[in-house]
Structure formats: structure tokens, C-alpha cells
Amino acid sequence: VMLRMPVGEVTPEQWDVVMDLNLRAPFFISQAAARHLPDGG
């Protein structure tokens, strides 16, 4: 998600949405996928 949020207007809820989707999700998808990916994945 890419949301325009100028400094001074950012809420904790908006921050969490961005971080949860853009950063946390790729990490935990990758962590889970690593258990299944073959050599060369």
C-alpha cells in the first residue's frame, strides 16, 4: 500500500497498516515459504 501521509498527519493506525502489509507480511511469507522452497528456490 502506498498512502500519502505528510508528517504531522500520520496516525498510529495508518502507520500500522503500511508496516503490516509492506514489511511484516513479506517477512512472514518468506519465513513460511523457506520451509517448502526447494534447493534453488
PDB file of all heavy atoms in Angstrom:
ATOM      1  N   VAL A   1       0.861  -1.180   0.000  1.00  0.00           N
ATOM      2  CA  VAL A   1       0.000   0.000   0.000  1.00  0.00           C
ATOM      3  C   VAL A   1       0.896   1.228   0.000  1.00  0.00           C
ATOM      4  O   VAL A   1       1.948   1.248   0.643  1.00  0.00           O
ATOM      5  CB  VAL A   1      -0.949   0.006   1.226  1.00  0.00           C
ATOM      6  CG1 VAL A   1      -0.175   0.031   2.533  1.00  0.00           C
ATOM      7  CG2 VAL A   1      -1.928   1.172   1.145  1.00  0.00           C
ATOM      8  N   MET A   2       0.501   2.236  -0.780  1.00  0.00           N
ATOM      9  CA  MET A   2       1.255   3.491  -0.839  1.00  0.00           C
ATOM     10  C   MET A   2       0.286   4.628  -0.576  1.00  0.00           C
ATOM     11  O   MET A   2      -0.531   4.980  -1.434  1.00  0.00           O
ATOM     12  CB  MET A   2       1.924   3.661  -2.201  1.00  0.00           C
ATOM     13  CG  MET A   2       2.765   4.916  -2.315  1.00  0.00           C
ATOM     14  SD  MET A   2       3.596   5.004  -3.936  1.00  0.00           S
ATOM     15  CE  MET A   2       4.560   6.497  -3.721  1.00  0.00           C
ATOM     16  N   LEU A   3       0.363   5.184   0.609  1.00  0.00           N
ATOM     17  CA  LEU A   3      -0.557   6.229   1.024  1.00  0.00           C
ATOM     18  C   LEU A   3       0.211   7.525   1.281  1.00  0.00           C
ATOM     19  O   LEU A   3       1.251   7.511   1.938  1.00  0.00           O
ATOM     20  CB  LEU A   3      -1.293   5.824   2.302  1.00  0.00           C
ATOM     21  CG  LEU A   3      -2.104   4.528   2.245  1.00  0.00           C
ATOM     22  CD1 LEU A   3      -2.653   4.201   3.625  1.00  0.00           C
ATOM     23  CD2 LEU A   3      -3.232   4.645   1.226  1.00  0.00           C
ATOM     24  N   ARG A   4      -0.314   8.620   0.760  1.00  0.00           N
ATOM     25  CA  ARG A   4       0.291   9.916   1.045  1.00  0.00           C
ATOM     26  C   ARG A   4      -0.084  10.315   2.466  1.00  0.00           C
ATOM     27  O   ARG A   4      -1.258  10.455   2.798  1.00  0.00           O
ATOM     28  CB  ARG A   4      -0.188  10.971   0.058  1.00  0.00           C
ATOM     29  CG  ARG A   4       0.412  12.348   0.325  1.00  0.00           C
ATOM     30  CD  ARG A   4       0.070  13.348  -0.763  1.00  0.00           C
ATOM     31  NE  ARG A   4       0.574  14.666  -0.437  1.00  0.00           N
ATOM     32  CZ  ARG A   4       1.830  15.065  -0.583  1.00  0.00           C
ATOM     33  NH1 ARG A   4       2.715  14.221  -1.105  1.00  0.00           N
ATOM     34  NH2 ARG A   4       2.221  16.272  -0.259  1.00  0.00           N
ATOM     35  N   MET A   5       0.938  10.481   3.325  1.00  0.00           N
ATOM     36  CA  MET A   5       0.717  10.815   4.728  1.00  0.00           C
ATOM     37  C   MET A   5       1.779  11.810   5.172  1.00  0.00           C
ATOM     38  O   MET A   5       2.831  11.419   5.685  1.00  0.00           O
ATOM     39  CB  MET A   5       0.768   9.551   5.591  1.00  0.00           C
ATOM     40  CG  MET A   5      -0.389   8.595   5.377  1.00  0.00           C
ATOM     41  SD  MET A   5      -0.355   7.190   6.526  1.00  0.00           S
ATOM     42  CE  MET A   5       0.883   6.162   5.770  1.00  0.00           C
ATOM     43  N   PRO A   6       1.550  13.097   4.961  1.00  0.00           N
ATOM     44  CA  PRO A   6       2.549  14.101   5.367  1.00  0.00           C
ATOM     45  C   PRO A   6       2.812  14.058   6.866  1.00  0.00           C
ATOM     46  O   PRO A   6       1.921  13.741   7.670  1.00  0.00           O
ATOM     47  CB  PRO A   6       1.894  15.427   4.955  1.00  0.00           C
ATOM     48  CG  PRO A   6       0.889  15.063   3.918  1.00  0.00           C
ATOM     49  CD  PRO A   6       0.387  13.711   4.306  1.00  0.00           C
ATOM     50  N   VAL A   7       4.040  14.369   7.229  1.00  0.00           N
ATOM     51  CA  VAL A   7       4.402  14.423   8.646  1.00  0.00           C
ATOM     52  C   VAL A   7       3.495  15.423   9.358  1.00  0.00           C
ATOM     53  O   VAL A   7       3.227  16.516   8.864  1.00  0.00           O
ATOM     54  CB  VAL A   7       5.880  14.836   8.807  1.00  0.00           C
ATOM     55  CG1 VAL A   7       6.218  15.071  10.274  1.00  0.00           C
ATOM     56  CG2 VAL A   7       6.788  13.775   8.214  1.00  0.00           C
ATOM     57  N   GLY A   8       3.014  15.030  10.517  1.00  0.00           N
ATOM     58  CA  GLY A   8       2.063  15.845  11.258  1.00  0.00           C
ATOM     59  C   GLY A   8       0.649  15.334  11.136  1.00  0.00           C
ATOM     60  O   GLY A   8      -0.222  15.705  11.929  1.00  0.00           O
ATOM     61  N   GLU A   9       0.415  14.466  10.119  1.00  0.00           N
ATOM     62  CA  GLU A   9      -0.920  13.927   9.893  1.00  0.00           C
ATOM     63  C   GLU A   9      -0.991  12.411  10.040  1.00  0.00           C
ATOM     64  O   GLU A   9      -2.072  11.829   9.979  1.00  0.00           O
ATOM     65  CB  GLU A   9      -1.407  14.314   8.489  1.00  0.00           C
ATOM     66  CG  GLU A   9      -1.469  15.823   8.246  1.00  0.00           C
ATOM     67  CD  GLU A   9      -1.879  16.168   6.827  1.00  0.00           C
ATOM     68  OE1 GLU A   9      -2.341  15.256   6.108  1.00  0.00           O
ATOM     69  OE2 GLU A   9      -1.722  17.345   6.429  1.00  0.00           O
ATOM     70  N   VAL A  10       0.151  11.768  10.227  1.00  0.00           N
ATOM     71  CA  VAL A  10       0.183  10.307  10.300  1.00  0.00           C
ATOM     72  C   VAL A  10      -0.391   9.834  11.631  1.00  0.00           C
ATOM     73  O   VAL A  10      -0.030  10.343  12.696  1.00  0.00           O
ATOM     74  CB  VAL A  10       1.619   9.782  10.149  1.00  0.00           C
ATOM     75  CG1 VAL A  10       1.637   8.253  10.192  1.00  0.00           C
ATOM     76  CG2 VAL A  10       2.255  10.297   8.859  1.00  0.00           C
ATOM     77  N   THR A  11      -1.276   8.853  11.577  1.00  0.00           N
ATOM     78  CA  THR A  11      -1.830   8.259  12.786  1.00  0.00           C
ATOM     79  C   THR A  11      -1.169   6.898  13.040  1.00  0.00           C
ATOM     80  O   THR A  11      -0.655   6.261  12.106  1.00  0.00           O
ATOM     81  CB  THR A  11      -3.344   8.044  12.661  1.00  0.00           C
ATOM     82  OG1 THR A  11      -3.585   7.032  11.668  1.00  0.00           O
ATOM     83  CG2 THR A  11      -4.044   9.346  12.258  1.00  0.00           C
ATOM     84  N   PRO A  12      -1.171   6.437  14.267  1.00  0.00           N
ATOM     85  CA  PRO A  12      -0.625   5.101  14.541  1.00  0.00           C
ATOM     86  C   PRO A  12      -1.317   4.009  13.733  1.00  0.00           C
ATOM     87  O   PRO A  12      -0.667   3.045  13.306  1.00  0.00           O
ATOM     88  CB  PRO A  12      -0.862   4.927  16.049  1.00  0.00           C
ATOM     89  CG  PRO A  12      -0.881   6.318  16.590  1.00  0.00           C
ATOM     90  CD  PRO A  12      -1.546   7.136  15.519  1.00  0.00           C
ATOM     91  N   GLU A  13      -2.616   4.165  13.515  1.00  0.00           N
ATOM     92  CA  GLU A  13      -3.360   3.161  12.758  1.00  0.00           C
ATOM     93  C   GLU A  13      -2.872   3.109  11.311  1.00  0.00           C
ATOM     94  O   GLU A  13      -2.697   2.026  10.731  1.00  0.00           O
ATOM     95  CB  GLU A  13      -4.853   3.465  12.809  1.00  0.00           C
ATOM     96  CG  GLU A  13      -5.498   3.283  14.180  1.00  0.00           C
ATOM     97  CD  GLU A  13      -5.181   4.430  15.132  1.00  0.00           C
ATOM     98  OE1 GLU A  13      -4.748   5.508  14.666  1.00  0.00           O
ATOM     99  OE2 GLU A  13      -5.372   4.248  16.356  1.00  0.00           O
ATOM    100  N   GLN A  14      -2.643   4.288  10.709  1.00  0.00           N
ATOM    101  CA  GLN A  14      -2.129   4.323   9.342  1.00  0.00           C
ATOM    102  C   GLN A  14      -0.734   3.728   9.266  1.00  0.00           C
ATOM    103  O   GLN A  14      -0.408   2.972   8.344  1.00  0.00           O
ATOM    104  CB  GLN A  14      -2.118   5.765   8.829  1.00  0.00           C
ATOM    105  CG  GLN A  14      -3.489   6.362   8.575  1.00  0.00           C
ATOM    106  CD  GLN A  14      -3.408   7.839   8.247  1.00  0.00           C
ATOM    107  OE1 GLN A  14      -2.586   8.574   8.797  1.00  0.00           O
ATOM    108  NE2 GLN A  14      -4.264   8.288   7.337  1.00  0.00           N
ATOM    109  N   TRP A  15       0.101   4.078  10.227  1.00  0.00           N
ATOM    110  CA  TRP A  15       1.457   3.537  10.285  1.00  0.00           C
ATOM    111  C   TRP A  15       1.427   2.011  10.318  1.00  0.00           C
ATOM    112  O   TRP A  15       2.170   1.338   9.587  1.00  0.00           O
ATOM    113  CB  TRP A  15       2.180   4.093  11.512  1.00  0.00           C
ATOM    114  CG  TRP A  15       3.532   3.514  11.755  1.00  0.00           C
ATOM    115  CD1 TRP A  15       3.829   2.369  12.439  1.00  0.00           C
ATOM    116  CD2 TRP A  15       4.784   4.046  11.296  1.00  0.00           C
ATOM    117  NE1 TRP A  15       5.190   2.153  12.454  1.00  0.00           N
ATOM    118  CE2 TRP A  15       5.798   3.166  11.756  1.00  0.00           C
ATOM    119  CE3 TRP A  15       5.138   5.172  10.557  1.00  0.00           C
ATOM    120  CZ2 TRP A  15       7.145   3.379  11.486  1.00  0.00           C
ATOM    121  CZ3 TRP A  15       6.486   5.389  10.297  1.00  0.00           C
ATOM    122  CH2 TRP A  15       7.473   4.503  10.757  1.00  0.00           C
ATOM    123  N   ASP A  16       0.560   1.465  11.154  1.00  0.00           N
ATOM    124  CA  ASP A  16       0.491   0.010  11.294  1.00  0.00           C
ATOM    125  C   ASP A  16       0.040  -0.661  10.008  1.00  0.00           C
ATOM    126  O   ASP A  16       0.564  -1.721   9.633  1.00  0.00           O
ATOM    127  CB  ASP A  16      -0.448  -0.369  12.436  1.00  0.00           C
ATOM    128  CG  ASP A  16       0.151  -0.085  13.806  1.00  0.00           C
ATOM    129  OD1 ASP A  16       1.374   0.159  13.885  1.00  0.00           O
ATOM    130  OD2 ASP A  16      -0.603  -0.092  14.798  1.00  0.00           O
ATOM    131  N   VAL A  17      -0.921  -0.084   9.321  1.00  0.00           N
ATOM    132  CA  VAL A  17      -1.394  -0.676   8.070  1.00  0.00           C
ATOM    133  C   VAL A  17      -0.257  -0.778   7.060  1.00  0.00           C
ATOM    134  O   VAL A  17      -0.057  -1.817   6.410  1.00  0.00           O
ATOM    135  CB  VAL A  17      -2.566   0.139   7.486  1.00  0.00           C
ATOM    136  CG1 VAL A  17      -2.832  -0.260   6.037  1.00  0.00           C
ATOM    137  CG2 VAL A  17      -3.825  -0.065   8.316  1.00  0.00           C
ATOM    138  N   VAL A  18       0.501   0.305   6.929  1.00  0.00           N
ATOM    139  CA  VAL A  18       1.603   0.324   5.972  1.00  0.00           C
ATOM    140  C   VAL A  18       2.673  -0.696   6.357  1.00  0.00           C
ATOM    141  O   VAL A  18       3.123  -1.492   5.519  1.00  0.00           O
ATOM    142  CB  VAL A  18       2.204   1.743   5.872  1.00  0.00           C
ATOM    143  CG1 VAL A  18       3.487   1.719   5.043  1.00  0.00           C
ATOM    144  CG2 VAL A  18       1.197   2.710   5.271  1.00  0.00           C
ATOM    145  N   MET A  19       3.084  -0.688   7.600  1.00  0.00           N
ATOM    146  CA  MET A  19       4.140  -1.597   8.030  1.00  0.00           C
ATOM    147  C   MET A  19       3.693  -3.058   8.000  1.00  0.00           C
ATOM    148  O   MET A  19       4.467  -3.955   7.632  1.00  0.00           O
ATOM    149  CB  MET A  19       4.624  -1.226   9.431  1.00  0.00           C
ATOM    150  CG  MET A  19       5.337   0.103   9.499  1.00  0.00           C
ATOM    151  SD  MET A  19       6.853   0.093   8.506  1.00  0.00           S
ATOM    152  CE  MET A  19       7.237   1.850   8.520  1.00  0.00           C
ATOM    153  N   ASP A  20       2.461  -3.300   8.382  1.00  0.00           N
ATOM    154  CA  ASP A  20       1.972  -4.678   8.410  1.00  0.00           C
ATOM    155  C   ASP A  20       1.959  -5.296   7.016  1.00  0.00           C
ATOM    156  O   ASP A  20       2.347  -6.461   6.838  1.00  0.00           O
ATOM    157  CB  ASP A  20       0.560  -4.734   9.005  1.00  0.00           C
ATOM    158  CG  ASP A  20       0.541  -4.435  10.497  1.00  0.00           C
ATOM    159  OD1 ASP A  20       1.634  -4.353  11.104  1.00  0.00           O
ATOM    160  OD2 ASP A  20      -0.561  -4.267  11.043  1.00  0.00           O
ATOM    161  N   LEU A  21       1.507  -4.534   6.023  1.00  0.00           N
ATOM    162  CA  LEU A  21       1.410  -5.079   4.667  1.00  0.00           C
ATOM    163  C   LEU A  21       2.745  -5.025   3.929  1.00  0.00           C
ATOM    164  O   LEU A  21       3.139  -5.988   3.271  1.00  0.00           O
ATOM    165  CB  LEU A  21       0.349  -4.318   3.876  1.00  0.00           C
ATOM    166  CG  LEU A  21       0.108  -4.799   2.428  1.00  0.00           C
ATOM    167  CD1 LEU A  21      -0.254  -6.277   2.406  1.00  0.00           C
ATOM    168  CD2 LEU A  21      -0.981  -3.963   1.765  1.00  0.00           C
ATOM    169  N   ASN A  22       3.444  -3.904   4.027  1.00  0.00           N
ATOM    170  CA  ASN A  22       4.640  -3.698   3.213  1.00  0.00           C
ATOM    171  C   ASN A  22       5.886  -4.376   3.756  1.00  0.00           C
ATOM    172  O   ASN A  22       6.813  -4.654   2.987  1.00  0.00           O
ATOM    173  CB  ASN A  22       4.931  -2.204   3.077  1.00  0.00           C
ATOM    174  CG  ASN A  22       3.886  -1.464   2.267  1.00  0.00           C
ATOM    175  OD1 ASN A  22       2.841  -2.008   1.938  1.00  0.00           O
ATOM    176  ND2 ASN A  22       4.169  -0.215   1.959  1.00  0.00           N
ATOM    177  N   LEU A  23       5.935  -4.627   5.066  1.00  0.00           N
ATOM    178  CA  LEU A  23       7.160  -5.163   5.653  1.00  0.00           C
ATOM    179  C   LEU A  23       6.938  -6.451   6.442  1.00  0.00           C
ATOM    180  O   LEU A  23       7.652  -7.431   6.233  1.00  0.00           O
ATOM    181  CB  LEU A  23       7.799  -4.099   6.555  1.00  0.00           C
ATOM    182  CG  LEU A  23       9.157  -4.445   7.164  1.00  0.00           C
ATOM    183  CD1 LEU A  23      10.175  -4.794   6.084  1.00  0.00           C
ATOM    184  CD2 LEU A  23       9.655  -3.285   8.024  1.00  0.00           C
ATOM    185  N   ARG A  24       5.971  -6.432   7.354  1.00  0.00           N
ATOM    186  CA  ARG A  24       5.766  -7.639   8.159  1.00  0.00           C
ATOM    187  C   ARG A  24       5.320  -8.820   7.308  1.00  0.00           C
ATOM    188  O   ARG A  24       5.852  -9.936   7.449  1.00  0.00           O
ATOM    189  CB  ARG A  24       4.733  -7.374   9.265  1.00  0.00           C
ATOM    190  CG  ARG A  24       4.614  -8.549  10.261  1.00  0.00           C
ATOM    191  CD  ARG A  24       3.586  -8.264  11.331  1.00  0.00           C
ATOM    192  NE  ARG A  24       2.226  -8.273  10.779  1.00  0.00           N
ATOM    193  CZ  ARG A  24       1.150  -7.933  11.463  1.00  0.00           C
ATOM    194  NH1 ARG A  24       1.267  -7.521  12.719  1.00  0.00           N
ATOM    195  NH2 ARG A  24      -0.052  -7.982  10.902  1.00  0.00           N
ATOM    196  N   ALA A  25       4.360  -8.599   6.414  1.00  0.00           N
ATOM    197  CA  ALA A  25       3.847  -9.703   5.606  1.00  0.00           C
ATOM    198  C   ALA A  25       4.927 -10.352   4.735  1.00  0.00           C
ATOM    199  O   ALA A  25       5.023 -11.591   4.701  1.00  0.00           O
ATOM    200  CB  ALA A  25       2.670  -9.226   4.754  1.00  0.00           C
ATOM    201  N   PRO A  26       5.766  -9.580   4.016  1.00  0.00           N
ATOM    202  CA  PRO A  26       6.817 -10.241   3.234  1.00  0.00           C
ATOM    203  C   PRO A  26       7.764 -11.084   4.080  1.00  0.00           C
ATOM    204  O   PRO A  26       8.210 -12.151   3.646  1.00  0.00           O
ATOM    205  CB  PRO A  26       7.555  -9.072   2.571  1.00  0.00           C
ATOM    206  CG  PRO A  26       6.542  -7.993   2.476  1.00  0.00           C
ATOM    207  CD  PRO A  26       5.702  -8.137   3.719  1.00  0.00           C
ATOM    208  N   PHE A  27       8.063 -10.603   5.299  1.00  0.00           N
ATOM    209  CA  PHE A  27       8.958 -11.400   6.143  1.00  0.00           C
ATOM    210  C   PHE A  27       8.323 -12.735   6.512  1.00  0.00           C
ATOM    211  O   PHE A  27       8.943 -13.797   6.379  1.00  0.00           O
ATOM    212  CB  PHE A  27       9.338 -10.652   7.418  1.00  0.00           C
ATOM    213  CG  PHE A  27      10.117 -11.524   8.361  1.00  0.00           C
ATOM    214  CD1 PHE A  27      11.460 -11.789   8.128  1.00  0.00           C
ATOM    215  CD2 PHE A  27       9.506 -12.120   9.461  1.00  0.00           C
ATOM    216  CE1 PHE A  27      12.181 -12.629   8.976  1.00  0.00           C
ATOM    217  CE2 PHE A  27      10.217 -12.961  10.308  1.00  0.00           C
ATOM    218  CZ  PHE A  27      11.564 -13.212  10.061  1.00  0.00           C
ATOM    219  N   PHE A  28       7.086 -12.701   6.984  1.00  0.00           N
ATOM    220  CA  PHE A  28       6.479 -13.947   7.456  1.00  0.00           C
ATOM    221  C   PHE A  28       6.074 -14.865   6.305  1.00  0.00           C
ATOM    222  O   PHE A  28       6.063 -16.088   6.470  1.00  0.00           O
ATOM    223  CB  PHE A  28       5.317 -13.645   8.400  1.00  0.00           C
ATOM    224  CG  PHE A  28       5.795 -13.216   9.761  1.00  0.00           C
ATOM    225  CD1 PHE A  28       5.813 -11.885  10.127  1.00  0.00           C
ATOM    226  CD2 PHE A  28       6.292 -14.152  10.658  1.00  0.00           C
ATOM    227  CE1 PHE A  28       6.288 -11.488  11.366  1.00  0.00           C
ATOM    228  CE2 PHE A  28       6.771 -13.775  11.900  1.00  0.00           C
ATOM    229  CZ  PHE A  28       6.772 -12.433  12.260  1.00  0.00           C
ATOM    230  N   ILE A  29       5.769 -14.295   5.148  1.00  0.00           N
ATOM    231  CA  ILE A  29       5.576 -15.144   3.970  1.00  0.00           C
ATOM    232  C   ILE A  29       6.883 -15.842   3.621  1.00  0.00           C
ATOM    233  O   ILE A  29       6.913 -17.055   3.365  1.00  0.00           O
ATOM    234  CB  ILE A  29       5.063 -14.316   2.779  1.00  0.00           C
ATOM    235  CG1 ILE A  29       3.598 -13.923   2.996  1.00  0.00           C
ATOM    236  CG2 ILE A  29       5.210 -15.097   1.461  1.00  0.00           C
ATOM    237  CD1 ILE A  29       3.055 -12.966   1.959  1.00  0.00           C
ATOM    238  N   SER A  30       7.974 -15.089   3.614  1.00  0.00           N
ATOM    239  CA  SER A  30       9.277 -15.672   3.279  1.00  0.00           C
ATOM    240  C   SER A  30       9.688 -16.720   4.302  1.00  0.00           C
ATOM    241  O   SER A  30      10.221 -17.788   3.949  1.00  0.00           O
ATOM    242  CB  SER A  30      10.326 -14.569   3.196  1.00  0.00           C
ATOM    243  OG  SER A  30       9.998 -13.625   2.192  1.00  0.00           O
ATOM    244  N   GLN A  31       9.470 -16.433   5.568  1.00  0.00           N
ATOM    245  CA  GLN A  31       9.830 -17.385   6.618  1.00  0.00           C
ATOM    246  C   GLN A  31       9.059 -18.690   6.464  1.00  0.00           C
ATOM    247  O   GLN A  31       9.632 -19.790   6.580  1.00  0.00           O
ATOM    248  CB  GLN A  31       9.554 -16.769   7.988  1.00  0.00           C
ATOM    249  CG  GLN A  31       9.885 -17.684   9.152  1.00  0.00           C
ATOM    250  CD  GLN A  31       9.750 -16.979  10.493  1.00  0.00           C
ATOM    251  OE1 GLN A  31      10.735 -16.495  11.040  1.00  0.00           O
ATOM    252  NE2 GLN A  31       8.532 -16.907  11.018  1.00  0.00           N
ATOM    253  N   ALA A  32       7.764 -18.572   6.183  1.00  0.00           N
ATOM    254  CA  ALA A  32       6.955 -19.775   5.994  1.00  0.00           C
ATOM    255  C   ALA A  32       7.336 -20.498   4.705  1.00  0.00           C
ATOM    256  O   ALA A  32       7.404 -21.735   4.661  1.00  0.00           O
ATOM    257  CB  ALA A  32       5.473 -19.412   5.979  1.00  0.00           C
ATOM    258  N   ALA A  33       7.581 -19.730   3.646  1.00  0.00           N
ATOM    259  CA  ALA A  33       7.916 -20.334   2.356  1.00  0.00           C
ATOM    260  C   ALA A  33       9.241 -21.079   2.415  1.00  0.00           C
ATOM    261  O   ALA A  33       9.419 -22.097   1.723  1.00  0.00           O
ATOM    262  CB  ALA A  33       7.968 -19.267   1.279  1.00  0.00           C
ATOM    263  N   ALA A  34      10.177 -20.593   3.217  1.00  0.00           N
ATOM    264  CA  ALA A  34      11.507 -21.213   3.285  1.00  0.00           C
ATOM    265  C   ALA A  34      11.429 -22.676   3.697  1.00  0.00           C
ATOM    266  O   ALA A  34      12.315 -23.475   3.359  1.00  0.00           O
ATOM    267  CB  ALA A  34      12.399 -20.441   4.250  1.00  0.00           C
ATOM    268  N   ARG A  35      10.393 -23.048   4.412  1.00  0.00           N
ATOM    269  CA  ARG A  35      10.236 -24.449   4.822  1.00  0.00           C
ATOM    270  C   ARG A  35       9.854 -25.339   3.659  1.00  0.00           C
ATOM    271  O   ARG A  35       9.972 -26.573   3.743  1.00  0.00           O
ATOM    272  CB  ARG A  35       9.181 -24.551   5.929  1.00  0.00           C
ATOM    273  CG  ARG A  35       9.556 -23.836   7.211  1.00  0.00           C
ATOM    274  CD  ARG A  35       8.637 -24.256   8.354  1.00  0.00           C
ATOM    275  NE  ARG A  35       7.278 -23.757   8.187  1.00  0.00           N
ATOM    276  CZ  ARG A  35       6.825 -22.627   8.714  1.00  0.00           C
ATOM    277  NH1 ARG A  35       7.642 -21.871   9.434  1.00  0.00           N
ATOM    278  NH2 ARG A  35       5.582 -22.248   8.529  1.00  0.00           N
ATOM    279  N   HIS A  36       9.360 -24.753   2.576  1.00  0.00           N
ATOM    280  CA  HIS A  36       8.860 -25.530   1.446  1.00  0.00           C
ATOM    281  C   HIS A  36       9.662 -25.344   0.170  1.00  0.00           C
ATOM    282  O   HIS A  36       9.621 -26.217  -0.706  1.00  0.00           O
ATOM    283  CB  HIS A  36       7.403 -25.154   1.161  1.00  0.00           C
ATOM    284  CG  HIS A  36       6.479 -25.365   2.319  1.00  0.00           C
ATOM    285  ND1 HIS A  36       6.018 -26.619   2.685  1.00  0.00           N
ATOM    286  CD2 HIS A  36       5.940 -24.487   3.215  1.00  0.00           C
ATOM    287  CE1 HIS A  36       5.226 -26.501   3.746  1.00  0.00           C
ATOM    288  NE2 HIS A  36       5.161 -25.227   4.084  1.00  0.00           N
ATOM    289  N   LEU A  37      10.349 -24.222   0.029  1.00  0.00           N
ATOM    290  CA  LEU A  37      11.096 -23.976  -1.196  1.00  0.00           C
ATOM    291  C   LEU A  37      12.191 -25.015  -1.378  1.00  0.00           C
ATOM    292  O   LEU A  37      12.887 -25.370  -0.432  1.00  0.00           O
ATOM    293  CB  LEU A  37      11.710 -22.577  -1.169  1.00  0.00           C
ATOM    294  CG  LEU A  37      10.722 -21.411  -1.264  1.00  0.00           C
ATOM    295  CD1 LEU A  37      11.430 -20.093  -0.939  1.00  0.00           C
ATOM    296  CD2 LEU A  37      10.095 -21.339  -2.651  1.00  0.00           C
ATOM    297  N   PRO A  38      12.393 -25.491  -2.592  1.00  0.00           N
ATOM    298  CA  PRO A  38      13.442 -26.482  -2.840  1.00  0.00           C
ATOM    299  C   PRO A  38      14.803 -25.812  -2.964  1.00  0.00           C
ATOM    300  O   PRO A  38      14.915 -24.581  -2.971  1.00  0.00           O
ATOM    301  CB  PRO A  38      13.017 -27.073  -4.187  1.00  0.00           C
ATOM    302  CG  PRO A  38      12.393 -25.900  -4.892  1.00  0.00           C
ATOM    303  CD  PRO A  38      11.658 -25.129  -3.812  1.00  0.00           C
ATOM    304  N   ASP A  39      15.842 -26.599  -3.063  1.00  0.00           N
ATOM    305  CA  ASP A  39      17.142 -26.052  -3.404  1.00  0.00           C
ATOM    306  C   ASP A  39      17.008 -25.323  -4.739  1.00  0.00           C
ATOM    307  O   ASP A  39      16.472 -25.882  -5.712  1.00  0.00           O
ATOM    308  CB  ASP A  39      18.182 -27.163  -3.537  1.00  0.00           C
ATOM    309  CG  ASP A  39      18.529 -27.796  -2.192  1.00  0.00           C
ATOM    310  OD1 ASP A  39      18.029 -27.295  -1.160  1.00  0.00           O
ATOM    311  OD2 ASP A  39      19.276 -28.785  -2.185  1.00  0.00           O
ATOM    312  N   GLY A  40      17.455 -24.087  -4.784  1.00  0.00           N
ATOM    313  CA  GLY A  40      17.278 -23.283  -5.987  1.00  0.00           C
ATOM    314  C   GLY A  40      16.012 -22.457  -5.979  1.00  0.00           C
ATOM    315  O   GLY A  40      15.732 -21.747  -6.954  1.00  0.00           O
ATOM    316  N   GLY A  41      15.244 -22.521  -4.894  1.00  0.00           N
ATOM    317  CA  GLY A  41      14.054 -21.690  -4.788  1.00  0.00           C
ATOM    318  C   GLY A  41      14.420 -20.212  -4.755  1.00  0.00           C
ATOM    319  O   GLY A  41      15.548 -19.848  -4.411  1.00  0.00           O
TER     320      GLY A  41
END
